[in-house]
Amino acid sequence: MDTKQAIFEHVKTVLVDKFEVPVDDISLEATLYEDLDLDSIDAVDLIITLQDYTKKKIQPESFKQVRTIQNLIDAIQQLLVES
């Protein structure tokens, strides 16, 4: 079972490597769209990348309420727990 810290580290790596987000901008409170300047296409790419990480099909509906990094980590952990 991945811990929230491990998920956070993975998300941070993905955001830096794939989306060129400055590492200093990434915190649990950071909002994906406003603070990190991701757009809807980036969000889809992020979900696809996270599917590879979780080895689970992610339903876009489960990410509709995701606004911050903390929301994202919680959603990923929930997905891992449900299986």
N, C-alpha and C. Protein backbone atom coordinates (compact mmCIF):
# COMPACT_ATOMS: atom_id res chain seq x y z
N MET A 1 0.85 -1.19 0.00
CA MET A 1 0.00 0.00 0.00
C MET A 1 0.89 1.25 0.00
N ASP A 2 0.65 2.11 -0.95
CA ASP A 2 1.43 3.34 -1.01
C ASP A 2 0.94 4.33 0.04
N THR A 3 1.89 4.94 0.70
CA THR A 3 1.54 5.95 1.68
C THR A 3 1.26 7.26 0.96
N LYS A 4 0.60 8.17 1.67
CA LYS A 4 0.33 9.48 1.07
C LYS A 4 1.64 10.17 0.70
N GLN A 5 2.68 9.98 1.52
CA GLN A 5 3.97 10.60 1.22
C GLN A 5 4.55 10.04 -0.08
N ALA A 6 4.45 8.73 -0.27
CA ALA A 6 4.97 8.10 -1.49
C ALA A 6 4.19 8.58 -2.71
N ILE A 7 2.88 8.70 -2.57
CA ILE A 7 2.05 9.19 -3.67
C ILE A 7 2.43 10.64 -3.98
N PHE A 8 2.60 11.45 -2.94
CA PHE A 8 2.99 12.85 -3.12
C PHE A 8 4.31 12.95 -3.87
N GLU A 9 5.28 12.14 -3.49
CA GLU A 9 6.59 12.17 -4.15
C GLU A 9 6.45 11.79 -5.63
N HIS A 10 5.62 10.79 -5.92
CA HIS A 10 5.41 10.39 -7.31
C HIS A 10 4.74 11.51 -8.09
N VAL A 11 3.68 12.09 -7.53
CA VAL A 11 2.96 13.18 -8.19
C VAL A 11 3.91 14.34 -8.45
N LYS A 12 4.73 14.65 -7.45
CA LYS A 12 5.69 15.75 -7.59
C LYS A 12 6.64 15.48 -8.76
N THR A 13 7.16 14.27 -8.84
CA THR A 13 8.07 13.90 -9.92
C THR A 13 7.39 14.04 -11.28
N VAL A 14 6.16 13.57 -11.38
CA VAL A 14 5.41 13.66 -12.64
C VAL A 14 5.20 15.12 -13.03
N LEU A 15 4.80 15.94 -12.07
CA LEU A 15 4.53 17.35 -12.37
C LEU A 15 5.80 18.08 -12.84
N VAL A 16 6.92 17.76 -12.23
CA VAL A 16 8.18 18.40 -12.60
C VAL A 16 8.66 17.89 -13.97
N ASP A 17 8.69 16.55 -14.13
CA ASP A 17 9.25 15.96 -15.34
C ASP A 17 8.36 16.12 -16.56
N LYS A 18 7.08 15.91 -16.39
CA LYS A 18 6.17 15.89 -17.55
C LYS A 18 5.54 17.25 -17.84
N PHE A 19 5.29 18.03 -16.79
CA PHE A 19 4.57 19.29 -16.99
C PHE A 19 5.43 20.52 -16.71
N GLU A 20 6.71 20.28 -16.38
CA GLU A 20 7.67 21.36 -16.16
C GLU A 20 7.21 22.35 -15.09
N VAL A 21 6.54 21.83 -14.07
CA VAL A 21 6.12 22.65 -12.94
C VAL A 21 7.33 22.83 -12.03
N PRO A 22 7.63 24.08 -11.65
CA PRO A 22 8.75 24.28 -10.72
C PRO A 22 8.49 23.56 -9.40
N VAL A 23 9.47 22.80 -8.93
CA VAL A 23 9.30 21.98 -7.73
C VAL A 23 8.89 22.84 -6.53
N ASP A 24 9.35 24.09 -6.48
CA ASP A 24 9.01 24.96 -5.35
C ASP A 24 7.53 25.34 -5.33
N ASP A 25 6.84 25.19 -6.46
CA ASP A 25 5.42 25.53 -6.54
C ASP A 25 4.53 24.41 -6.03
N ILE A 26 5.10 23.22 -5.85
CA ILE A 26 4.30 22.04 -5.52
C ILE A 26 4.21 21.86 -4.01
N SER A 27 2.98 22.00 -3.51
CA SER A 27 2.70 21.75 -2.10
C SER A 27 1.34 21.08 -2.02
N LEU A 28 0.99 20.56 -0.86
CA LEU A 28 -0.31 19.90 -0.71
C LEU A 28 -1.46 20.87 -0.96
N GLU A 29 -1.25 22.14 -0.66
CA GLU A 29 -2.32 23.14 -0.80
C GLU A 29 -2.39 23.72 -2.22
N ALA A 30 -1.38 23.47 -3.04
CA ALA A 30 -1.33 24.06 -4.39
C ALA A 30 -2.51 23.58 -5.22
N THR A 31 -3.17 24.53 -5.91
CA THR A 31 -4.26 24.16 -6.80
C THR A 31 -3.69 23.82 -8.17
N LEU A 32 -4.26 22.80 -8.78
CA LEU A 32 -3.74 22.31 -10.05
C LEU A 32 -3.87 23.35 -11.16
N TYR A 33 -5.02 24.00 -11.23
CA TYR A 33 -5.28 24.90 -12.35
C TYR A 33 -4.73 26.30 -12.10
N GLU A 34 -4.93 26.85 -10.92
CA GLU A 34 -4.49 28.22 -10.65
C GLU A 34 -3.00 28.26 -10.30
N ASP A 35 -2.60 27.56 -9.26
CA ASP A 35 -1.21 27.66 -8.78
C ASP A 35 -0.21 26.98 -9.73
N LEU A 36 -0.59 25.84 -10.27
CA LEU A 36 0.35 25.07 -11.09
C LEU A 36 0.13 25.29 -12.58
N ASP A 37 -0.90 26.03 -12.92
CA ASP A 37 -1.15 26.45 -14.31
C ASP A 37 -1.37 25.28 -15.26
N LEU A 38 -2.00 24.21 -14.76
CA LEU A 38 -2.36 23.10 -15.64
C LEU A 38 -3.68 23.45 -16.32
N ASP A 39 -3.89 22.91 -17.52
CA ASP A 39 -5.17 23.09 -18.19
C ASP A 39 -5.88 21.74 -18.29
N SER A 40 -7.02 21.72 -18.94
CA SER A 40 -7.81 20.48 -18.98
C SER A 40 -7.08 19.37 -19.74
N ILE A 41 -6.32 19.71 -20.75
CA ILE A 41 -5.54 18.71 -21.49
C ILE A 41 -4.47 18.12 -20.57
N ASP A 42 -3.81 19.00 -19.80
CA ASP A 42 -2.80 18.52 -18.84
C ASP A 42 -3.44 17.59 -17.83
N ALA A 43 -4.65 17.92 -17.38
CA ALA A 43 -5.34 17.10 -16.39
C ALA A 43 -5.58 15.69 -16.94
N VAL A 44 -5.98 15.60 -18.20
CA VAL A 44 -6.19 14.30 -18.83
C VAL A 44 -4.87 13.54 -18.91
N ASP A 45 -3.81 14.22 -19.31
CA ASP A 45 -2.48 13.59 -19.37
C ASP A 45 -2.05 13.10 -17.99
N LEU A 46 -2.35 13.90 -16.98
CA LEU A 46 -1.99 13.53 -15.61
C LEU A 46 -2.74 12.27 -15.18
N ILE A 47 -4.02 12.20 -15.50
CA ILE A 47 -4.82 11.02 -15.16
C ILE A 47 -4.26 9.77 -15.86
N ILE A 48 -3.89 9.91 -17.13
CA ILE A 48 -3.33 8.78 -17.88
C ILE A 48 -2.02 8.32 -17.23
N THR A 49 -1.19 9.28 -16.86
CA THR A 49 0.09 8.95 -16.20
C THR A 49 -0.16 8.25 -14.87
N LEU A 50 -1.16 8.71 -14.12
CA LEU A 50 -1.46 8.11 -12.82
C LEU A 50 -2.09 6.73 -12.97
N GLN A 51 -2.78 6.49 -14.08
CA GLN A 51 -3.30 5.13 -14.34
C GLN A 51 -2.14 4.15 -14.46
N ASP A 52 -1.07 4.58 -15.11
CA ASP A 52 0.11 3.72 -15.22
C ASP A 52 0.69 3.44 -13.84
N TYR A 53 0.68 4.44 -12.99
CA TYR A 53 1.22 4.32 -11.63
C TYR A 53 0.37 3.38 -10.77
N THR A 54 -0.95 3.56 -10.83
CA THR A 54 -1.85 2.79 -9.97
C THR A 54 -2.22 1.44 -10.57
N LYS A 55 -2.01 1.28 -11.87
CA LYS A 55 -2.43 0.07 -12.60
C LYS A 55 -3.95 -0.11 -12.51
N LYS A 56 -4.66 1.02 -12.37
CA LYS A 56 -6.12 1.00 -12.26
C LYS A 56 -6.71 1.95 -13.30
N LYS A 57 -7.90 1.63 -13.76
CA LYS A 57 -8.63 2.53 -14.64
C LYS A 57 -9.19 3.66 -13.78
N ILE A 58 -8.86 4.87 -14.13
CA ILE A 58 -9.35 6.02 -13.37
C ILE A 58 -10.54 6.62 -14.11
N GLN A 59 -11.65 6.69 -13.43
CA GLN A 59 -12.83 7.30 -14.02
C GLN A 59 -12.70 8.81 -13.89
N PRO A 60 -12.87 9.53 -15.01
CA PRO A 60 -12.75 10.99 -14.94
C PRO A 60 -13.69 11.61 -13.90
N GLU A 61 -14.84 10.98 -13.67
CA GLU A 61 -15.79 11.52 -12.67
C GLU A 61 -15.16 11.59 -11.29
N SER A 62 -14.29 10.61 -10.98
CA SER A 62 -13.70 10.59 -9.64
C SER A 62 -12.69 11.71 -9.45
N PHE A 63 -12.33 12.38 -10.55
CA PHE A 63 -11.37 13.48 -10.45
C PHE A 63 -12.02 14.84 -10.67
N LYS A 64 -13.33 14.86 -10.84
CA LYS A 64 -14.02 16.14 -11.04
C LYS A 64 -13.87 17.08 -9.85
N GLN A 65 -13.81 16.54 -8.65
CA GLN A 65 -13.72 17.37 -7.44
C GLN A 65 -12.28 17.69 -7.06
N VAL A 66 -11.31 17.17 -7.80
CA VAL A 66 -9.91 17.38 -7.47
C VAL A 66 -9.50 18.79 -7.86
N ARG A 67 -9.07 19.55 -6.86
CA ARG A 67 -8.63 20.93 -7.11
C ARG A 67 -7.19 21.16 -6.65
N THR A 68 -6.78 20.43 -5.61
CA THR A 68 -5.44 20.64 -5.05
C THR A 68 -4.63 19.36 -5.12
N ILE A 69 -3.35 19.48 -4.83
CA ILE A 69 -2.49 18.30 -4.77
C ILE A 69 -3.01 17.34 -3.69
N GLN A 70 -3.44 17.89 -2.56
CA GLN A 70 -3.98 17.04 -1.48
C GLN A 70 -5.19 16.25 -1.97
N ASN A 71 -6.11 16.90 -2.71
CA ASN A 71 -7.27 16.21 -3.27
C ASN A 71 -6.82 15.08 -4.19
N LEU A 72 -5.80 15.35 -4.97
CA LEU A 72 -5.28 14.38 -5.93
C LEU A 72 -4.72 13.15 -5.20
N ILE A 73 -3.92 13.40 -4.17
CA ILE A 73 -3.34 12.31 -3.38
C ILE A 73 -4.43 11.49 -2.72
N ASP A 74 -5.43 12.16 -2.15
CA ASP A 74 -6.55 11.46 -1.50
C ASP A 74 -7.29 10.59 -2.51
N ALA A 75 -7.52 11.11 -3.71
CA ALA A 75 -8.24 10.35 -4.74
C ALA A 75 -7.44 9.12 -5.17
N ILE A 76 -6.13 9.29 -5.32
CA ILE A 76 -5.29 8.15 -5.71
C ILE A 76 -5.27 7.10 -4.60
N GLN A 77 -5.12 7.55 -3.37
CA GLN A 77 -5.10 6.58 -2.26
C GLN A 77 -6.43 5.84 -2.15
N GLN A 78 -7.54 6.56 -2.33
CA GLN A 78 -8.87 5.93 -2.32
C GLN A 78 -8.96 4.85 -3.39
N LEU A 79 -8.45 5.17 -4.57
CA LEU A 79 -8.46 4.22 -5.68
C LEU A 79 -7.66 2.96 -5.32
N LEU A 80 -6.52 3.15 -4.68
CA LEU A 80 -5.68 2.01 -4.31
C LEU A 80 -6.33 1.18 -3.21
N VAL A 81 -7.05 1.83 -2.31
CA VAL A 81 -7.71 1.13 -1.20
C VAL A 81 -8.89 0.29 -1.71
N GLU A 82 -9.60 0.82 -2.72
CA GLU A 82 -10.80 0.15 -3.22
C GLU A 82 -10.53 -1.17 -3.90
N SER A 83 -9.30 -1.37 -4.33
CA SER A 83 -9.03 -2.60 -5.10
C SER A 83 -8.71 -3.78 -4.19
